[in-house]
Amino acid sequence: MRPPHRASAPRRGGPPPPSRRKQPARRRSRRSDSASRAGGAAALDGGLVASAALLAGLGVVMIYSTTAPLAMGSPVPPHLLRHLGALGLGLVALSVALRLPLRLWQRLALPLWATATLLLTATLLVGVEANGARRWLALPLLGVHLQPAEPARFATALAVAALLAGERPSSRRTLAHCLLLALPPAGLLLLQPDLGSAALLLALVGALLFVGGVPLRRLGGLAAFGLLALAAYIAARPYALARWKGFLAPWQTARDEGFQLVQSFVAFGRGGVLGVGLGDGRQKLAYLPEAHTDFILSAVAEELGLVGVLIVLGAFAALTLAGLRVARRAADPFAQLLAFAMTAFIALPAAVNAAVVMGVLPTTGFTLPFLSFGSNSLVVCTLALGVLLRIASVEAAAAGPLRRRRSRP
């Protein structure tokens, strides 16, 4: 133990000495900044890397299995090549995120949110229309299509985390500012229309508000209002109402709204415990629509059985627990909130997708992170993983000298 410092008596009539409780906060900030510069040299979090690598590797295998019948005359399915290209681009984004200081993400939060909101607006004006919805934005110079819903969720989570870290969470002003960040992109998504992405964005913001310290009574009021608005939206939109009918009575609407869910049930039933064998699934041939995107977990259930599904769910659970551990260990408030945001950004769509294919939630159109075919989702989820790994490496670098000091006799 350090010897006690001699405390000088305060002057009579003068101001009291500055609070000593504020000094550790400044030291933590300086320590976080110095660790942020050295964080790249720290070892990566093994739980995050192992679980994400398992999911990405299984995703490559299942993309090949589900898309090979679509390209019988090609030695390598084009979908697999595009998936590998997106995975490579995602790894580049992960490498960049590993080298960016956390304070830079905090400064870029609002500009990135504004850019994502502009992309959503541009999608409504000049986006590609398909099946009565405008959800894609063509980029002619790059020859690709961008789905701004994924960057919008990422940027909104980043902006809300930065806002909560810099303001008092219990104040109504902070809650109003967070709503001003969440409602514009959610409203633009509803106009596409994309109810699932809008609901997921608001759920992500709600989870951030909860862990950020917003009072439960205010969150409860917002949740009740959101449920009422959701019910009114579904009642007014025929396509949303049809999805709920297919969810509530899939077997009675097996030829119409419930077709996808019924075929997913068939895939789970055929798979049993060990599955019919990799590549031998039948549902992907013509029965299960979007087997390589929204319902890839159903293809896993048929070909790899219950064991394969448990491996996928276990990997997502391990990734979620590792991300929450990183958030709990972070000393800086922004790092804590950002780590939770990036973990929820990956875990929430995974939970929703698994619930959809098992008939717990109505069809939403979400891909399964790291497994489904979808370049936008794969790149942005890998970027979120890179930010999470950066936070883990920064905290490991900051905790290293402290551990060495504690280990000295």
Protein backbone atom coordinates (compact mmCIF):
# COMPACT_ATOMS: atom_id res chain seq x y z
CA MET A 1 0.00 0.00 0.00
CA ARG A 2 1.09 3.54 -0.71
CA PRO A 3 1.91 5.73 2.32
CA PRO A 4 -0.82 8.24 3.08
CA HIS A 5 -0.35 11.73 1.70
CA ARG A 6 -0.31 14.65 4.02
CA ALA A 7 -3.51 16.53 3.62
CA SER A 8 -3.25 20.31 3.88
CA ALA A 9 -6.00 22.03 5.81
CA PRO A 10 -8.41 24.04 3.63
CA ARG A 11 -8.26 27.81 3.89
CA ARG A 12 -10.97 29.41 5.92
CA GLY A 13 -13.47 31.24 3.84
CA GLY A 14 -11.90 30.00 0.64
CA PRO A 15 -13.25 27.47 -1.85
CA PRO A 16 -12.94 23.82 -0.92
CA PRO A 17 -10.22 21.77 -2.61
CA PRO A 18 -11.19 20.11 -5.89
CA SER A 19 -12.94 16.79 -5.53
CA ARG A 20 -10.55 13.86 -5.67
CA ARG A 21 -13.22 11.71 -7.26
CA LYS A 22 -12.85 13.52 -10.56
CA GLN A 23 -9.14 12.81 -10.83
CA PRO A 24 -9.48 9.05 -11.48
CA ALA A 25 -11.93 9.83 -14.29
CA ARG A 26 -9.35 12.05 -15.98
CA ARG A 27 -6.71 9.41 -15.45
CA ARG A 28 -9.01 6.78 -16.95
CA SER A 29 -9.57 9.02 -19.97
CA ARG A 30 -5.83 9.49 -20.48
CA ARG A 31 -5.24 5.79 -19.92
CA SER A 32 -7.97 4.95 -22.43
CA ASP A 33 -6.44 7.29 -25.01
CA SER A 34 -2.95 5.86 -24.56
CA ALA A 35 -4.32 2.32 -24.63
CA SER A 36 -6.27 3.22 -27.74
CA ARG A 37 -3.02 4.05 -29.49
CA ALA A 38 -1.44 0.80 -28.36
CA GLY A 39 -4.52 -1.39 -28.56
CA GLY A 40 -3.63 -2.87 -31.93
CA ALA A 41 -0.71 -4.71 -30.38
CA ALA A 42 -2.87 -6.48 -27.83
CA ALA A 43 -4.11 -10.00 -28.39
CA LEU A 44 -7.55 -10.37 -29.91
CA ASP A 45 -10.43 -11.69 -27.83
CA GLY A 46 -10.43 -15.44 -28.33
CA GLY A 47 -14.15 -15.92 -27.69
CA LEU A 48 -15.16 -13.35 -30.29
CA VAL A 49 -12.71 -14.60 -32.90
CA ALA A 50 -13.51 -18.30 -32.45
CA SER A 51 -17.30 -17.93 -32.52
CA ALA A 52 -17.28 -15.54 -35.49
CA ALA A 53 -14.83 -17.72 -37.42
CA LEU A 54 -17.01 -20.79 -36.82
CA LEU A 55 -20.11 -18.97 -38.05
CA ALA A 56 -18.35 -17.52 -41.10
CA GLY A 57 -16.83 -20.88 -42.04
CA LEU A 58 -20.12 -22.70 -41.71
CA GLY A 59 -21.72 -19.91 -43.73
CA VAL A 60 -19.35 -20.53 -46.65
CA VAL A 61 -20.16 -24.25 -46.56
CA MET A 62 -23.92 -23.69 -46.44
CA ILE A 63 -23.87 -21.04 -49.17
CA TYR A 64 -22.17 -23.55 -51.44
CA SER A 65 -24.62 -26.29 -50.48
CA THR A 66 -27.75 -24.17 -51.01
CA THR A 67 -26.68 -22.38 -54.20
CA ALA A 68 -24.92 -25.19 -56.08
CA PRO A 69 -28.28 -26.46 -57.48
CA LEU A 70 -28.88 -22.97 -58.89
CA ALA A 71 -25.71 -23.15 -61.01
CA MET A 72 -25.48 -26.73 -62.25
CA GLY A 73 -23.34 -25.80 -65.24
CA SER A 74 -20.78 -23.85 -63.23
CA PRO A 75 -17.94 -25.44 -61.23
CA VAL A 76 -18.27 -22.73 -58.56
CA PRO A 77 -21.67 -21.15 -57.82
CA PRO A 78 -21.68 -17.39 -58.56
CA HIS A 79 -23.43 -16.80 -55.25
CA LEU A 80 -20.49 -18.38 -53.45
CA LEU A 81 -18.01 -16.15 -55.28
CA ARG A 82 -20.01 -13.06 -54.34
CA HIS A 83 -20.23 -14.26 -50.75
CA LEU A 84 -16.47 -14.80 -50.58
CA GLY A 85 -15.91 -11.35 -52.08
CA ALA A 86 -18.15 -9.78 -49.44
CA LEU A 87 -16.36 -11.74 -46.74
CA GLY A 88 -13.02 -10.45 -48.00
CA LEU A 89 -14.34 -6.89 -48.02
CA GLY A 90 -15.66 -7.40 -44.51
CA LEU A 91 -12.25 -8.59 -43.32
CA VAL A 92 -10.72 -5.42 -44.77
CA ALA A 93 -13.30 -3.37 -42.84
CA LEU A 94 -12.50 -5.37 -39.71
CA SER A 95 -8.78 -4.66 -40.12
CA VAL A 96 -9.46 -0.94 -40.49
CA ALA A 97 -11.71 -0.93 -37.42
CA LEU A 98 -8.96 -2.61 -35.40
CA ARG A 99 -6.71 0.39 -36.07
CA LEU A 100 -9.15 3.25 -35.55
CA PRO A 101 -9.13 4.95 -32.13
CA LEU A 102 -12.39 4.75 -30.24
CA ARG A 103 -12.51 8.53 -29.92
CA LEU A 104 -12.59 8.77 -33.70
CA TRP A 105 -15.76 6.67 -33.77
CA GLN A 106 -17.25 9.02 -31.20
CA ARG A 107 -16.45 12.07 -33.36
CA LEU A 108 -17.74 10.37 -36.52
CA ALA A 109 -21.02 9.22 -34.95
CA LEU A 110 -23.22 12.11 -36.07
CA PRO A 111 -21.66 12.48 -39.58
CA LEU A 112 -22.14 8.76 -40.20
CA TRP A 113 -25.74 8.96 -38.96
CA ALA A 114 -26.45 11.90 -41.27
CA THR A 115 -24.89 10.03 -44.22
CA ALA A 116 -26.98 6.93 -43.53
CA THR A 117 -30.15 9.03 -43.29
CA LEU A 118 -29.34 10.67 -46.63
CA LEU A 119 -28.85 7.22 -48.17
CA LEU A 120 -32.27 6.14 -46.91
CA THR A 121 -33.79 9.30 -48.39
CA ALA A 122 -32.06 8.69 -51.72
CA THR A 123 -33.38 5.12 -51.72
CA LEU A 124 -36.95 6.40 -51.48
CA LEU A 125 -36.36 8.83 -54.34
CA VAL A 126 -34.19 6.89 -56.82
CA GLY A 127 -33.94 3.41 -55.32
CA VAL A 128 -34.50 0.13 -57.13
CA GLU A 129 -38.10 -1.03 -56.80
CA ALA A 130 -38.76 -4.74 -56.35
CA ASN A 131 -41.95 -6.46 -55.16
CA GLY A 132 -43.55 -3.11 -54.41
CA ALA A 133 -40.73 -1.86 -52.16
CA ARG A 134 -37.71 0.41 -52.59
CA ARG A 135 -34.97 -1.02 -50.39
CA TRP A 136 -31.92 -0.99 -52.66
CA LEU A 137 -29.80 1.85 -53.95
CA ALA A 138 -27.88 1.25 -57.17
CA LEU A 139 -24.26 2.45 -57.27
CA PRO A 140 -23.46 2.58 -61.02
CA LEU A 141 -19.79 3.47 -60.60
CA LEU A 142 -19.19 0.40 -58.42
CA GLY A 143 -21.67 -1.88 -60.17
CA VAL A 144 -23.28 -2.98 -56.89
CA HIS A 145 -26.52 -2.44 -54.99
CA LEU A 146 -26.49 -1.09 -51.45
CA GLN A 147 -29.18 -1.76 -48.89
CA PRO A 148 -28.97 1.31 -46.60
CA ALA A 149 -30.95 -0.36 -43.82
CA GLU A 150 -27.83 -2.12 -42.52
CA PRO A 151 -25.57 0.99 -42.42
CA ALA A 152 -28.48 2.97 -40.94
CA ARG A 153 -28.82 0.57 -38.00
CA PHE A 154 -25.05 0.63 -37.44
CA ALA A 155 -24.83 4.44 -37.60
CA THR A 156 -27.88 4.97 -35.39
CA ALA A 157 -26.54 2.63 -32.71
CA LEU A 158 -23.18 4.41 -32.86
CA ALA A 159 -24.80 7.86 -32.58
CA VAL A 160 -27.04 6.87 -29.66
CA ALA A 161 -24.08 5.33 -27.81
CA ALA A 162 -22.05 8.52 -28.29
CA LEU A 163 -24.97 10.65 -27.10
CA LEU A 164 -25.66 8.58 -23.98
CA ALA A 165 -21.97 8.62 -23.07
CA GLY A 166 -21.83 12.42 -23.18
CA GLU A 167 -25.13 13.36 -21.52
CA ARG A 168 -27.08 12.50 -18.40
CA PRO A 169 -29.20 9.42 -19.24
CA SER A 170 -31.88 10.13 -16.63
CA SER A 171 -32.82 13.52 -18.12
CA ARG A 172 -35.74 13.93 -20.47
CA ARG A 173 -33.58 16.01 -22.77
CA THR A 174 -31.26 13.06 -23.39
CA LEU A 175 -34.22 10.79 -24.16
CA ALA A 176 -35.59 13.37 -26.59
CA HIS A 177 -32.22 13.61 -28.35
CA CYS A 178 -32.04 9.81 -28.67
CA LEU A 179 -35.52 9.73 -30.17
CA LEU A 180 -34.50 12.40 -32.67
CA LEU A 181 -31.72 10.07 -33.77
CA ALA A 182 -33.90 6.94 -33.93
CA LEU A 183 -37.20 8.13 -35.41
CA PRO A 184 -36.04 9.66 -38.76
CA PRO A 185 -34.29 6.50 -40.06
CA ALA A 186 -37.10 4.32 -38.68
CA GLY A 187 -39.69 6.45 -40.45
CA LEU A 188 -37.77 6.32 -43.72
CA LEU A 189 -37.58 2.52 -43.43
CA LEU A 190 -41.34 2.34 -42.91
CA LEU A 191 -41.85 4.34 -46.10
CA GLN A 192 -39.90 1.81 -48.21
CA PRO A 193 -41.81 -0.16 -46.72
CA ASP A 194 -39.58 -2.25 -44.41
CA LEU A 195 -41.36 -2.85 -41.13
CA GLY A 196 -38.88 -5.45 -39.89
CA SER A 197 -35.80 -3.23 -40.25
CA ALA A 198 -37.58 -0.29 -38.63
CA ALA A 199 -38.70 -2.42 -35.68
CA LEU A 200 -35.21 -3.88 -35.27
CA LEU A 201 -33.63 -0.42 -35.31
CA LEU A 202 -36.01 0.80 -32.60
CA ALA A 203 -35.42 -2.37 -30.56
CA LEU A 204 -31.66 -1.81 -30.77
CA VAL A 205 -32.05 1.79 -29.61
CA GLY A 206 -34.38 0.66 -26.81
CA ALA A 207 -31.80 -1.84 -25.56
CA LEU A 208 -29.14 0.89 -25.58
CA LEU A 209 -31.42 3.22 -23.61
CA PHE A 210 -32.01 0.46 -21.06
CA VAL A 211 -28.33 -0.27 -20.43
CA GLY A 212 -27.54 3.45 -20.65
CA GLY A 213 -29.60 4.18 -17.55
CA VAL A 214 -32.83 5.67 -18.88
CA PRO A 215 -35.59 5.21 -16.25
CA LEU A 216 -37.77 2.16 -16.79
CA ARG A 217 -41.03 4.07 -16.46
CA ARG A 218 -40.14 6.15 -19.52
CA LEU A 219 -39.00 3.11 -21.47
CA GLY A 220 -42.21 1.33 -20.54
CA GLY A 221 -44.30 4.19 -21.87
CA LEU A 222 -42.33 4.25 -25.12
CA ALA A 223 -42.67 0.48 -25.50
CA ALA A 224 -46.44 0.62 -25.01
CA PHE A 225 -46.77 3.42 -27.55
CA GLY A 226 -44.57 1.47 -29.99
CA LEU A 227 -46.73 -1.65 -29.71
CA LEU A 228 -49.87 0.36 -30.38
CA ALA A 229 -48.24 2.00 -33.40
CA LEU A 230 -47.11 -1.42 -34.65
CA ALA A 231 -50.63 -2.83 -34.37
CA ALA A 232 -52.06 0.16 -36.25
CA TYR A 233 -49.43 -0.16 -38.99
CA ILE A 234 -50.10 -3.88 -39.47
CA ALA A 235 -53.84 -3.31 -39.63
CA ALA A 236 -53.42 -0.60 -42.27
CA ARG A 237 -50.91 -2.47 -44.48
CA PRO A 238 -52.20 -5.53 -46.37
CA TYR A 239 -48.74 -7.06 -46.85
CA ALA A 240 -47.98 -6.86 -43.11
CA LEU A 241 -51.39 -8.26 -42.22
CA ALA A 242 -50.85 -11.17 -44.61
CA ARG A 243 -47.59 -12.05 -42.87
CA TRP A 244 -49.34 -12.14 -39.52
CA LYS A 245 -52.03 -14.39 -40.93
CA GLY A 246 -49.36 -16.76 -42.23
CA PHE A 247 -47.67 -16.71 -38.84
CA LEU A 248 -50.82 -17.34 -36.81
CA ALA A 249 -52.24 -20.08 -39.06
CA PRO A 250 -49.44 -21.45 -41.27
CA TRP A 251 -51.05 -24.81 -42.05
CA GLN A 252 -54.38 -23.24 -43.00
CA THR A 253 -52.55 -20.87 -45.39
CA ALA A 254 -49.88 -23.33 -46.50
CA ARG A 255 -50.37 -22.44 -50.18
CA ASP A 256 -50.25 -18.68 -49.64
CA GLU A 257 -49.01 -16.65 -46.67
CA GLY A 258 -47.88 -19.64 -44.62
CA PHE A 259 -45.94 -21.39 -47.41
CA GLN A 260 -42.45 -20.38 -46.25
CA LEU A 261 -43.07 -21.26 -42.62
CA VAL A 262 -44.58 -24.65 -43.45
CA GLN A 263 -41.64 -25.55 -45.67
CA SER A 264 -39.29 -24.50 -42.88
CA PHE A 265 -41.12 -26.86 -40.52
CA VAL A 266 -40.71 -29.64 -43.08
CA ALA A 267 -36.96 -28.97 -43.26
CA PHE A 268 -36.63 -29.18 -39.48
CA GLY A 269 -38.69 -32.37 -39.42
CA ARG A 270 -36.67 -34.08 -42.17
CA GLY A 271 -33.37 -33.21 -40.50
CA GLY A 272 -34.05 -34.93 -37.21
CA VAL A 273 -31.07 -35.14 -34.88
CA LEU A 274 -28.16 -35.68 -37.26
CA GLY A 275 -29.59 -34.41 -40.55
CA VAL A 276 -29.86 -36.01 -43.99
CA GLY A 277 -26.27 -35.14 -44.86
CA LEU A 278 -24.46 -32.09 -46.14
CA GLY A 279 -25.63 -31.30 -49.67
CA ASP A 280 -28.45 -33.86 -49.61
CA GLY A 281 -31.26 -31.54 -48.55
CA ARG A 282 -34.37 -31.43 -50.73
CA GLN A 283 -36.13 -28.34 -49.41
CA LYS A 284 -33.56 -26.04 -51.01
CA LEU A 285 -34.29 -27.40 -54.48
CA ALA A 286 -37.72 -25.89 -55.06
CA TYR A 287 -39.74 -26.00 -51.86
CA LEU A 288 -38.04 -23.58 -49.45
CA PRO A 289 -37.87 -20.07 -50.90
CA GLU A 290 -34.72 -18.03 -50.15
CA ALA A 291 -32.95 -21.04 -48.65
CA HIS A 292 -29.58 -19.28 -48.97
CA THR A 293 -30.72 -16.02 -47.34
CA ASP A 294 -33.59 -15.73 -44.85
CA PHE A 295 -34.09 -19.46 -44.25
CA ILE A 296 -30.52 -20.73 -44.25
CA LEU A 297 -30.97 -22.04 -40.71
CA SER A 298 -33.73 -24.28 -42.04
CA ALA A 299 -31.26 -25.68 -44.57
CA VAL A 300 -28.81 -26.27 -41.71
CA ALA A 301 -31.55 -28.08 -39.78
CA GLU A 302 -32.33 -30.38 -42.72
CA GLU A 303 -28.76 -31.24 -43.70
CA LEU A 304 -26.98 -31.12 -40.32
CA GLY A 305 -29.94 -31.79 -38.04
CA LEU A 306 -30.48 -30.63 -34.50
CA VAL A 307 -26.75 -30.89 -33.87
CA GLY A 308 -26.01 -28.33 -36.59
CA VAL A 309 -28.69 -25.94 -35.32
CA LEU A 310 -27.33 -26.18 -31.77
CA ILE A 311 -23.82 -25.46 -33.04
CA VAL A 312 -25.06 -22.32 -34.78
CA LEU A 313 -27.10 -21.13 -31.81
CA GLY A 314 -24.25 -21.98 -29.44
CA ALA A 315 -21.80 -19.96 -31.52
CA PHE A 316 -24.10 -16.95 -31.46
CA ALA A 317 -24.58 -17.37 -27.70
CA ALA A 318 -20.79 -17.53 -27.21
CA LEU A 319 -20.30 -14.42 -29.34
CA THR A 320 -22.99 -12.57 -27.39
CA LEU A 321 -21.53 -13.51 -24.01
CA ALA A 322 -18.04 -12.55 -25.16
CA GLY A 323 -19.32 -9.18 -26.40
CA LEU A 324 -21.16 -8.52 -23.13
CA ARG A 325 -18.00 -9.43 -21.23
CA VAL A 326 -16.07 -6.85 -23.25
CA ALA A 327 -18.72 -4.23 -22.47
CA ARG A 328 -18.67 -5.07 -18.75
CA ARG A 329 -14.88 -4.76 -18.53
CA ALA A 330 -14.67 -1.46 -20.40
CA ALA A 331 -13.79 1.47 -18.14
CA ASP A 332 -14.82 4.27 -20.49
CA PRO A 333 -18.61 4.94 -20.72
CA PHE A 334 -18.53 5.31 -24.49
CA ALA A 335 -16.56 2.06 -24.88
CA GLN A 336 -19.10 0.27 -22.67
CA LEU A 337 -22.10 1.48 -24.65
CA LEU A 338 -20.40 0.94 -28.00
CA ALA A 339 -19.42 -2.63 -27.10
CA PHE A 340 -23.00 -3.39 -26.09
CA ALA A 341 -24.33 -1.74 -29.26
CA MET A 342 -22.08 -3.79 -31.53
CA THR A 343 -22.95 -6.99 -29.67
CA ALA A 344 -26.67 -6.29 -29.94
CA PHE A 345 -26.24 -5.31 -33.59
CA ILE A 346 -25.18 -8.89 -34.33
CA ALA A 347 -27.20 -10.79 -31.71
CA LEU A 348 -30.64 -9.24 -32.26
CA PRO A 349 -30.96 -10.12 -35.98
CA ALA A 350 -29.66 -13.60 -35.24
CA ALA A 351 -32.29 -14.12 -32.54
CA VAL A 352 -35.06 -12.75 -34.76
CA ASN A 353 -34.02 -14.91 -37.75
CA ALA A 354 -33.91 -18.05 -35.61
CA ALA A 355 -37.31 -17.21 -34.13
CA VAL A 356 -38.80 -16.67 -37.60
CA VAL A 357 -37.67 -19.99 -39.09
CA MET A 358 -38.95 -21.82 -36.00
CA GLY A 359 -42.35 -20.14 -36.12
CA VAL A 360 -41.96 -17.97 -33.02
CA LEU A 361 -42.14 -14.66 -34.94
CA PRO A 362 -43.72 -13.72 -38.28
CA THR A 363 -41.55 -13.54 -41.37
CA THR A 364 -39.41 -10.40 -41.36
CA GLY A 365 -36.86 -10.90 -44.15
CA PHE A 366 -33.75 -10.71 -41.93
CA THR A 367 -30.61 -12.56 -42.86
CA LEU A 368 -28.67 -14.64 -40.35
CA PRO A 369 -25.41 -12.77 -39.62
CA PHE A 370 -22.25 -14.39 -41.01
CA LEU A 371 -24.21 -17.35 -42.48
CA SER A 372 -26.80 -16.00 -44.91
CA PHE A 373 -26.06 -14.80 -48.41
CA GLY A 374 -26.18 -11.02 -48.25
CA SER A 375 -23.19 -8.80 -48.95
CA ASN A 376 -24.49 -5.76 -47.09
CA SER A 377 -25.24 -7.66 -43.90
CA LEU A 378 -21.96 -9.60 -44.00
CA VAL A 379 -19.78 -6.50 -44.48
CA VAL A 380 -21.51 -4.39 -41.82
CA CYS A 381 -21.63 -7.23 -39.28
CA THR A 382 -17.93 -7.89 -39.81
CA LEU A 383 -17.27 -4.17 -39.31
CA ALA A 384 -19.23 -4.30 -36.04
CA LEU A 385 -17.13 -7.29 -34.99
CA GLY A 386 -13.99 -5.28 -35.76
CA VAL A 387 -15.16 -2.42 -33.53
CA LEU A 388 -15.91 -4.91 -30.77
CA LEU A 389 -12.47 -6.49 -31.10
CA ARG A 390 -10.90 -3.03 -31.00
CA ILE A 391 -12.63 -2.26 -27.69
CA ALA A 392 -11.47 -5.61 -26.29
CA SER A 393 -7.87 -4.98 -27.37
CA VAL A 394 -7.89 -1.45 -25.91
CA GLU A 395 -9.14 -2.69 -22.55
CA ALA A 396 -6.60 -5.54 -22.57
CA ALA A 397 -3.79 -3.05 -23.29
CA ALA A 398 -5.02 -0.76 -20.51
CA ALA A 399 -5.35 -3.59 -17.99
CA GLY A 400 -1.90 -5.04 -18.73
CA PRO A 401 0.19 -2.53 -16.74
CA LEU A 402 -2.34 -2.66 -13.88
CA ARG A 403 -2.01 -6.43 -13.65
CA ARG A 404 1.80 -6.16 -13.63
CA ARG A 405 1.70 -3.60 -10.83
CA ARG A 406 -0.63 -5.81 -8.78
CA SER A 407 1.60 -8.85 -9.28
CA ARG A 408 4.65 -7.05 -7.80
CA PRO A 409 5.40 -7.95 -4.18
